[in-house]
């Protein structure tokens, strides 16, 4: 397996903000996300968190265009 991860944070200073954003999105979709390892999540639960994050980012971008 390669060491080139596509999940790396490009701006290290943003890591804490991204973690807060992820936890907020998890609460909004009703997924119990823990600090640390979350390997017990189903693909559907993990996808709903990521999907909610993308939805909010797109909405914020579109709002900035107005």
N, C-alpha and C. Protein backbone atom coordinates (compact mmCIF):
# COMPACT_ATOMS: atom_id res chain seq x y z
N UNK A 1 0.85 -1.18 0.00
CA UNK A 1 0.00 0.00 0.00
C UNK A 1 0.88 1.24 0.00
N UNK A 2 0.47 2.23 -0.74
CA UNK A 2 1.23 3.47 -0.89
C UNK A 2 1.06 4.38 0.31
N UNK A 3 2.05 5.21 0.56
CA UNK A 3 1.96 6.19 1.64
C UNK A 3 1.30 7.48 1.18
N UNK A 4 0.95 7.58 -0.09
CA UNK A 4 0.30 8.78 -0.62
C UNK A 4 -1.20 8.71 -0.35
N UNK A 5 -1.62 9.34 0.73
CA UNK A 5 -3.03 9.33 1.11
C UNK A 5 -3.75 10.52 0.48
N UNK A 6 -4.93 10.28 -0.06
CA UNK A 6 -5.72 11.38 -0.60
C UNK A 6 -6.50 12.08 0.50
N UNK A 7 -6.42 11.59 1.73
CA UNK A 7 -7.14 12.17 2.86
C UNK A 7 -6.25 13.05 3.72
N UNK A 8 -5.19 13.58 3.17
CA UNK A 8 -4.31 14.42 3.98
C UNK A 8 -4.84 15.86 3.99
N UNK A 9 -4.60 16.53 5.08
CA UNK A 9 -5.01 17.92 5.23
C UNK A 9 -3.95 18.79 4.59
N UNK A 10 -4.33 19.58 3.59
CA UNK A 10 -3.37 20.42 2.89
C UNK A 10 -2.94 21.62 3.71
N UNK A 11 -3.81 22.08 4.61
CA UNK A 11 -3.49 23.20 5.50
C UNK A 11 -3.58 22.66 6.93
N UNK A 12 -2.44 22.28 7.53
CA UNK A 12 -2.48 21.66 8.86
C UNK A 12 -3.23 22.48 9.91
N UNK A 13 -3.19 23.80 9.78
CA UNK A 13 -3.88 24.66 10.74
C UNK A 13 -5.39 24.49 10.68
N UNK A 14 -5.90 23.92 9.61
CA UNK A 14 -7.35 23.76 9.43
C UNK A 14 -7.86 22.44 10.00
N UNK A 15 -6.98 21.57 10.45
CA UNK A 15 -7.39 20.24 10.89
C UNK A 15 -8.44 20.27 12.00
N UNK A 16 -8.25 21.12 13.00
CA UNK A 16 -9.20 21.19 14.11
C UNK A 16 -10.57 21.67 13.63
N UNK A 17 -10.58 22.65 12.75
CA UNK A 17 -11.83 23.14 12.19
C UNK A 17 -12.55 22.07 11.40
N UNK A 18 -11.80 21.29 10.64
CA UNK A 18 -12.41 20.19 9.88
C UNK A 18 -13.01 19.14 10.81
N UNK A 19 -12.32 18.85 11.91
CA UNK A 19 -12.85 17.88 12.87
C UNK A 19 -14.14 18.38 13.51
N UNK A 20 -14.19 19.68 13.86
CA UNK A 20 -15.43 20.25 14.42
C UNK A 20 -16.56 20.19 13.40
N UNK A 21 -16.23 20.50 12.15
CA UNK A 21 -17.22 20.46 11.07
C UNK A 21 -17.76 19.04 10.90
N UNK A 22 -16.88 18.05 10.97
CA UNK A 22 -17.28 16.65 10.83
C UNK A 22 -18.20 16.23 11.99
N UNK A 23 -17.84 16.62 13.21
CA UNK A 23 -18.67 16.26 14.37
C UNK A 23 -20.04 16.94 14.29
N UNK A 24 -20.08 18.20 13.85
CA UNK A 24 -21.34 18.92 13.69
C UNK A 24 -22.22 18.23 12.63
N UNK A 25 -21.62 17.84 11.53
CA UNK A 25 -22.37 17.16 10.46
C UNK A 25 -22.89 15.81 10.95
N UNK A 26 -22.10 15.10 11.73
CA UNK A 26 -22.53 13.81 12.26
C UNK A 26 -23.74 13.98 13.17
N UNK A 27 -23.71 14.99 14.03
CA UNK A 27 -24.87 15.25 14.91
C UNK A 27 -26.11 15.57 14.09
N UNK A 28 -25.94 16.36 13.03
CA UNK A 28 -27.09 16.76 12.21
C UNK A 28 -27.75 15.58 11.51
N UNK A 29 -26.97 14.56 11.14
CA UNK A 29 -27.57 13.41 10.46
C UNK A 29 -27.86 12.27 11.42
N UNK A 30 -27.60 12.48 12.72
CA UNK A 30 -27.95 11.50 13.74
C UNK A 30 -26.99 10.34 13.87
N UNK A 31 -25.72 10.57 13.55
CA UNK A 31 -24.71 9.52 13.68
C UNK A 31 -23.85 9.81 14.91
N UNK A 32 -23.66 8.81 15.75
CA UNK A 32 -22.85 8.95 16.95
C UNK A 32 -21.38 8.78 16.59
N UNK A 33 -20.70 9.89 16.34
CA UNK A 33 -19.30 9.88 15.97
C UNK A 33 -18.47 10.12 17.22
N UNK A 34 -17.45 9.31 17.43
CA UNK A 34 -16.59 9.42 18.60
C UNK A 34 -15.27 10.08 18.19
N UNK A 35 -14.58 10.67 19.16
CA UNK A 35 -13.21 11.12 18.91
C UNK A 35 -12.35 9.88 18.76
N UNK A 36 -11.49 9.86 17.77
CA UNK A 36 -10.62 8.71 17.56
C UNK A 36 -11.20 7.74 16.55
N UNK A 37 -11.05 6.46 16.84
CA UNK A 37 -11.43 5.39 15.90
C UNK A 37 -12.93 5.27 15.76
N UNK A 38 -13.41 5.23 14.51
CA UNK A 38 -14.84 5.08 14.22
C UNK A 38 -15.06 3.97 13.20
N UNK A 39 -14.28 2.91 13.29
CA UNK A 39 -14.37 1.82 12.35
C UNK A 39 -15.64 1.01 12.45
N UNK A 40 -16.44 1.26 13.48
CA UNK A 40 -17.69 0.53 13.64
C UNK A 40 -18.85 1.19 12.89
N UNK A 41 -18.59 2.32 12.21
CA UNK A 41 -19.65 2.96 11.43
C UNK A 41 -19.94 2.15 10.18
N UNK A 42 -21.19 2.16 9.77
CA UNK A 42 -21.53 1.52 8.50
C UNK A 42 -21.14 2.47 7.36
N UNK A 43 -21.07 1.94 6.16
CA UNK A 43 -20.76 2.77 5.00
C UNK A 43 -21.84 3.83 4.82
N UNK A 44 -23.07 3.48 5.09
CA UNK A 44 -24.17 4.44 4.97
C UNK A 44 -24.00 5.59 5.95
N UNK A 45 -23.63 5.28 7.20
CA UNK A 45 -23.44 6.33 8.21
C UNK A 45 -22.28 7.25 7.82
N UNK A 46 -21.16 6.66 7.44
CA UNK A 46 -20.00 7.45 7.04
C UNK A 46 -20.32 8.30 5.82
N UNK A 47 -21.02 7.73 4.86
CA UNK A 47 -21.40 8.46 3.67
C UNK A 47 -22.35 9.60 3.94
N UNK A 48 -23.24 9.40 4.91
CA UNK A 48 -24.18 10.47 5.23
C UNK A 48 -23.46 11.66 5.86
N UNK A 49 -22.43 11.39 6.64
CA UNK A 49 -21.64 12.47 7.24
C UNK A 49 -20.91 13.23 6.13
N UNK A 50 -20.20 12.51 5.29
CA UNK A 50 -19.46 13.15 4.20
C UNK A 50 -20.39 13.87 3.24
N UNK A 51 -21.52 13.28 2.93
CA UNK A 51 -22.48 13.92 2.04
C UNK A 51 -23.03 15.21 2.61
N UNK A 52 -23.29 15.21 3.91
CA UNK A 52 -23.79 16.41 4.57
C UNK A 52 -22.71 17.50 4.57
N UNK A 53 -21.46 17.11 4.76
CA UNK A 53 -20.37 18.08 4.74
C UNK A 53 -20.26 18.72 3.35
N UNK A 54 -20.31 17.91 2.31
CA UNK A 54 -20.21 18.44 0.94
C UNK A 54 -21.39 19.34 0.63
N UNK A 55 -22.58 18.94 1.05
CA UNK A 55 -23.78 19.75 0.81
C UNK A 55 -23.62 21.13 1.44
N UNK A 56 -23.13 21.17 2.69
CA UNK A 56 -22.95 22.44 3.37
C UNK A 56 -21.85 23.29 2.72
N UNK A 57 -20.80 22.65 2.24
CA UNK A 57 -19.73 23.39 1.57
C UNK A 57 -20.22 24.00 0.25
N UNK A 58 -21.01 23.24 -0.50
CA UNK A 58 -21.56 23.75 -1.76
C UNK A 58 -22.51 24.91 -1.48
N UNK A 59 -23.36 24.76 -0.46
CA UNK A 59 -24.28 25.84 -0.10
C UNK A 59 -23.52 27.11 0.28
N UNK A 60 -22.44 26.95 1.05
CA UNK A 60 -21.64 28.11 1.46
C UNK A 60 -20.99 28.77 0.24
N UNK A 61 -20.51 27.96 -0.68
CA UNK A 61 -19.89 28.51 -1.89
C UNK A 61 -20.91 29.26 -2.73
N UNK A 62 -22.08 28.64 -2.92
CA UNK A 62 -23.12 29.29 -3.72
C UNK A 62 -23.61 30.57 -3.07
N UNK A 63 -23.69 30.59 -1.77
CA UNK A 63 -24.10 31.80 -1.05
C UNK A 63 -23.06 32.91 -1.25
N UNK A 64 -21.80 32.54 -1.34
CA UNK A 64 -20.74 33.51 -1.59
C UNK A 64 -20.77 34.10 -2.98
N UNK A 65 -21.41 33.42 -3.92
CA UNK A 65 -21.50 33.91 -5.29
C UNK A 65 -22.59 34.97 -5.45
N UNK A 66 -23.51 35.02 -4.52
CA UNK A 66 -24.65 35.95 -4.63
C UNK A 66 -24.21 37.37 -4.41
